[in-house]
Amino acid sequence: MIKKISLILFYFLLLQCGAQNVDFRILKAINKKEMPVWDKGMKGLSNTVNPLIPVTFIEIWADGYFTKDKVMMRNGFKSAITIGFAALVSTGLKVAIERTRPAKKYPGEIIQRTHAGKYSFPSGHTTSAFAMATALTLSYQKWYVAVPAYAYAGMVGYSRMRLGVHFPTDVLGGIFVGIGSGLLVWQLDKIINHK
């Protein structure tokens, strides 16, 4: 599993090096027009990610607690580990790769519409949103949970590009880290518990 994730990240970085121009063109198309109402909505959407992190794993755990479902309570703990691990990996990659934010790399061509930290790859908001969506999906295993969870996560990724703080490959990296963290935590739990 770790070998597969490493291989995916290697190919992703290789693609990123060769596709920088495409990356910029896609971002510019998403970012270019002024749409104040839409942009305000995208900023609001981005700002929902951090408050929803504890809500996600507490809700899953509480669902198990109140229904006396020990598996769901365990899923709540795994969800917290998933989201925390994803954030740790995302932050580590940001510091290791040190990719410049789009507006700093292309001043005057990309409009930054919200505050962001120093480094760009991967998108931390996207990572967290996809880690939450994966945790919810693996916990409930119902399409009516998975579809809205991943739709929300996808819109968070889009919002980060619209706001000019991430390249498409930053968002793609966040998707891989978020989903990969959930799959890894659930797989390790199966191995540890011999399920």
Protein backbone atom coordinates (compact mmCIF):
# COMPACT_ATOMS: atom_id res chain seq x y z
CA MET A 1 0.00 0.00 0.00
CA ILE A 2 2.76 2.46 0.95
CA LYS A 3 4.66 1.41 -2.18
CA LYS A 4 1.60 2.25 -4.30
CA ILE A 5 1.18 5.66 -2.64
CA SER A 6 4.90 6.41 -3.15
CA LEU A 7 4.63 5.43 -6.82
CA ILE A 8 1.56 7.62 -7.29
CA LEU A 9 3.33 10.59 -5.67
CA PHE A 10 6.42 9.98 -7.86
CA TYR A 11 4.35 9.98 -11.06
CA PHE A 12 2.40 12.96 -9.81
CA LEU A 13 5.59 14.97 -9.23
CA LEU A 14 6.92 13.88 -12.63
CA LEU A 15 3.66 14.99 -14.25
CA GLN A 16 3.78 18.26 -12.36
CA CYS A 17 7.27 19.05 -13.65
CA GLY A 18 6.28 18.35 -17.27
CA ALA A 19 2.82 19.88 -17.13
CA GLN A 20 3.53 23.21 -15.40
CA ASN A 21 2.25 25.18 -18.39
CA VAL A 22 -1.01 23.19 -18.51
CA ASP A 23 -1.34 23.59 -14.74
CA PHE A 24 -1.05 27.37 -15.08
CA ARG A 25 -3.48 27.57 -18.03
CA ILE A 26 -6.17 25.60 -16.19
CA LEU A 27 -5.75 27.76 -13.09
CA LYS A 28 -5.87 30.97 -15.12
CA ALA A 29 -9.15 29.85 -16.79
CA ILE A 30 -10.70 29.09 -13.38
CA ASN A 31 -9.36 32.24 -11.69
CA LYS A 32 -9.64 34.99 -14.31
CA LYS A 33 -13.09 36.64 -14.25
CA GLU A 34 -14.25 38.82 -11.39
CA MET A 35 -17.39 37.36 -9.81
CA PRO A 36 -17.73 38.99 -6.36
CA VAL A 37 -20.77 37.02 -5.16
CA TRP A 38 -19.37 33.68 -6.36
CA ASP A 39 -15.97 34.48 -4.87
CA LYS A 40 -17.52 35.35 -1.52
CA GLY A 41 -19.30 31.98 -1.59
CA MET A 42 -16.07 30.17 -2.47
CA LYS A 43 -14.24 31.90 0.39
CA GLY A 44 -17.06 30.93 2.76
CA LEU A 45 -16.93 27.33 1.54
CA SER A 46 -13.16 27.18 2.08
CA ASN A 47 -13.63 28.53 5.58
CA THR A 48 -15.96 25.65 6.51
CA VAL A 49 -13.24 23.00 6.29
CA ASN A 50 -11.45 23.53 9.61
CA PRO A 51 -14.63 23.77 11.74
CA LEU A 52 -15.99 20.60 10.09
CA ILE A 53 -12.92 18.51 10.97
CA PRO A 54 -13.89 17.82 14.61
CA VAL A 55 -17.60 17.71 13.70
CA THR A 56 -16.90 14.82 11.29
CA PHE A 57 -15.16 12.42 13.64
CA ILE A 58 -17.24 13.39 16.69
CA GLU A 59 -20.46 12.83 14.71
CA ILE A 60 -19.31 9.36 13.59
CA TRP A 61 -18.26 8.42 17.13
CA ALA A 62 -21.45 9.87 18.65
CA ASP A 63 -23.58 7.94 16.14
CA GLY A 64 -21.92 4.76 17.38
CA TYR A 65 -22.21 5.75 21.03
CA PHE A 66 -25.93 6.54 20.92
CA THR A 67 -26.79 3.47 18.82
CA LYS A 68 -24.47 1.28 20.92
CA ASP A 69 -22.52 0.38 17.75
CA LYS A 70 -18.90 -0.31 18.74
CA VAL A 71 -17.80 -0.54 15.11
CA MET A 72 -19.07 2.97 14.43
CA MET A 73 -17.42 4.27 17.59
CA ARG A 74 -14.14 2.74 16.37
CA ASN A 75 -14.77 4.39 12.99
CA GLY A 76 -14.94 7.72 14.81
CA PHE A 77 -11.46 7.13 16.21
CA LYS A 78 -10.16 5.98 12.82
CA SER A 79 -11.65 9.11 11.27
CA ALA A 80 -9.78 11.33 13.72
CA ILE A 81 -6.55 9.46 12.95
CA THR A 82 -7.21 9.71 9.21
CA ILE A 83 -7.77 13.47 9.26
CA GLY A 84 -4.83 14.08 11.60
CA PHE A 85 -2.48 11.88 9.55
CA ALA A 86 -3.59 13.55 6.29
CA ALA A 87 -2.88 16.99 7.77
CA LEU A 88 0.53 15.84 8.99
CA VAL A 89 1.48 14.43 5.56
CA SER A 90 0.16 17.52 3.78
CA THR A 91 2.12 19.87 6.04
CA GLY A 92 5.26 17.76 5.69
CA LEU A 93 5.02 17.82 1.90
CA LYS A 94 4.48 21.60 1.89
CA VAL A 95 7.65 22.15 3.92
CA ALA A 96 9.67 19.59 1.92
CA ILE A 97 8.58 20.75 -1.56
CA GLU A 98 8.28 24.52 -0.90
CA ARG A 99 6.17 25.22 -3.98
CA THR A 100 5.45 28.92 -4.50
CA ARG A 101 1.82 30.08 -4.42
CA PRO A 102 0.31 30.83 -7.87
CA ALA A 103 -0.13 34.59 -7.33
CA LYS A 104 3.51 34.94 -6.28
CA LYS A 105 4.77 32.83 -9.18
CA TYR A 106 2.56 34.63 -11.73
CA PRO A 107 1.99 38.15 -10.34
CA GLY A 108 -0.56 40.10 -12.31
CA GLU A 109 -1.91 36.96 -14.00
CA ILE A 110 -3.38 35.10 -11.03
CA ILE A 111 -5.61 36.93 -8.54
CA GLN A 112 -5.28 35.79 -4.94
CA ARG A 113 -8.66 36.35 -3.28
CA THR A 114 -7.93 35.04 0.21
CA HIS A 115 -5.08 34.77 2.68
CA ALA A 116 -2.89 31.68 2.44
CA GLY A 117 0.35 30.44 3.96
CA LYS A 118 3.71 30.45 2.22
CA TYR A 119 3.69 27.15 0.31
CA SER A 120 1.27 25.67 -2.18
CA PHE A 121 1.70 21.90 -2.66
CA PRO A 122 -0.45 20.07 -1.68
CA SER A 123 -3.66 21.92 -0.86
CA GLY A 124 -4.26 21.46 2.87
CA HIS A 125 -7.95 22.39 2.63
CA THR A 126 -8.47 19.84 -0.16
CA THR A 127 -6.51 17.22 1.78
CA SER A 128 -8.70 17.69 4.86
CA ALA A 129 -11.95 17.76 2.85
CA PHE A 130 -11.11 14.51 1.04
CA ALA A 131 -9.89 12.88 4.27
CA MET A 132 -13.26 13.75 5.86
CA ALA A 133 -15.19 12.49 2.81
CA THR A 134 -13.23 9.24 2.81
CA ALA A 135 -13.73 8.74 6.55
CA LEU A 136 -17.49 9.30 6.20
CA THR A 137 -17.70 6.98 3.20
CA LEU A 138 -15.72 4.18 4.84
CA SER A 139 -17.70 4.57 8.08
CA TYR A 140 -21.20 4.52 6.59
CA GLN A 141 -20.66 2.74 3.25
CA LYS A 142 -23.80 4.34 1.78
CA TRP A 143 -23.99 6.18 -1.53
CA TYR A 144 -26.14 8.93 -0.02
CA VAL A 145 -23.29 9.71 2.39
CA ALA A 146 -20.45 9.32 -0.14
CA VAL A 147 -21.92 11.44 -2.95
CA PRO A 148 -22.52 14.65 -0.94
CA ALA A 149 -19.27 14.16 1.01
CA TYR A 150 -17.16 13.92 -2.14
CA ALA A 151 -19.16 16.66 -3.89
CA TYR A 152 -18.37 18.95 -0.96
CA ALA A 153 -14.69 17.95 -1.05
CA GLY A 154 -14.55 18.54 -4.82
CA MET A 155 -16.05 22.00 -4.42
CA VAL A 156 -13.49 22.80 -1.72
CA GLY A 157 -10.73 21.87 -4.18
CA TYR A 158 -12.32 24.05 -6.86
CA SER A 159 -12.66 26.95 -4.39
CA ARG A 160 -8.94 26.87 -3.63
CA MET A 161 -8.17 27.32 -7.32
CA ARG A 162 -10.87 29.95 -7.82
CA LEU A 163 -9.43 31.90 -4.90
CA GLY A 164 -6.01 31.77 -6.58
CA VAL A 165 -4.14 30.04 -3.77
CA HIS A 166 -3.54 26.64 -5.41
CA PHE A 167 -2.63 25.15 -8.76
CA PRO A 168 -4.72 22.22 -10.05
CA THR A 169 -1.85 19.84 -9.24
CA ASP A 170 -1.88 21.11 -5.64
CA VAL A 171 -5.54 20.15 -5.44
CA LEU A 172 -4.85 16.78 -7.09
CA GLY A 173 -2.10 16.16 -4.53
CA GLY A 174 -4.54 17.00 -1.73
CA ILE A 175 -7.05 14.52 -3.18
CA PHE A 176 -4.43 11.74 -3.21
CA VAL A 177 -3.23 12.48 0.32
CA GLY A 178 -6.77 12.79 1.74
CA ILE A 179 -8.17 9.63 0.15
CA GLY A 180 -4.92 7.72 0.62
CA SER A 181 -4.81 8.52 4.32
CA GLY A 182 -8.30 7.13 4.85
CA LEU A 183 -7.61 3.96 2.87
CA LEU A 184 -4.31 3.46 4.71
CA VAL A 185 -5.82 3.88 8.20
CA TRP A 186 -8.71 1.53 7.44
CA GLN A 187 -6.32 -1.05 5.91
CA LEU A 188 -3.95 -0.89 8.88
CA ASP A 189 -6.90 -1.37 11.23
CA LYS A 190 -7.87 -4.53 9.32
CA ILE A 191 -4.31 -5.86 9.49
CA ILE A 192 -3.90 -5.05 13.19
CA ASN A 193 -7.25 -6.61 14.09
CA HIS A 194 -6.96 -9.51 11.60
CA LYS A 195 -10.30 -8.73 9.99
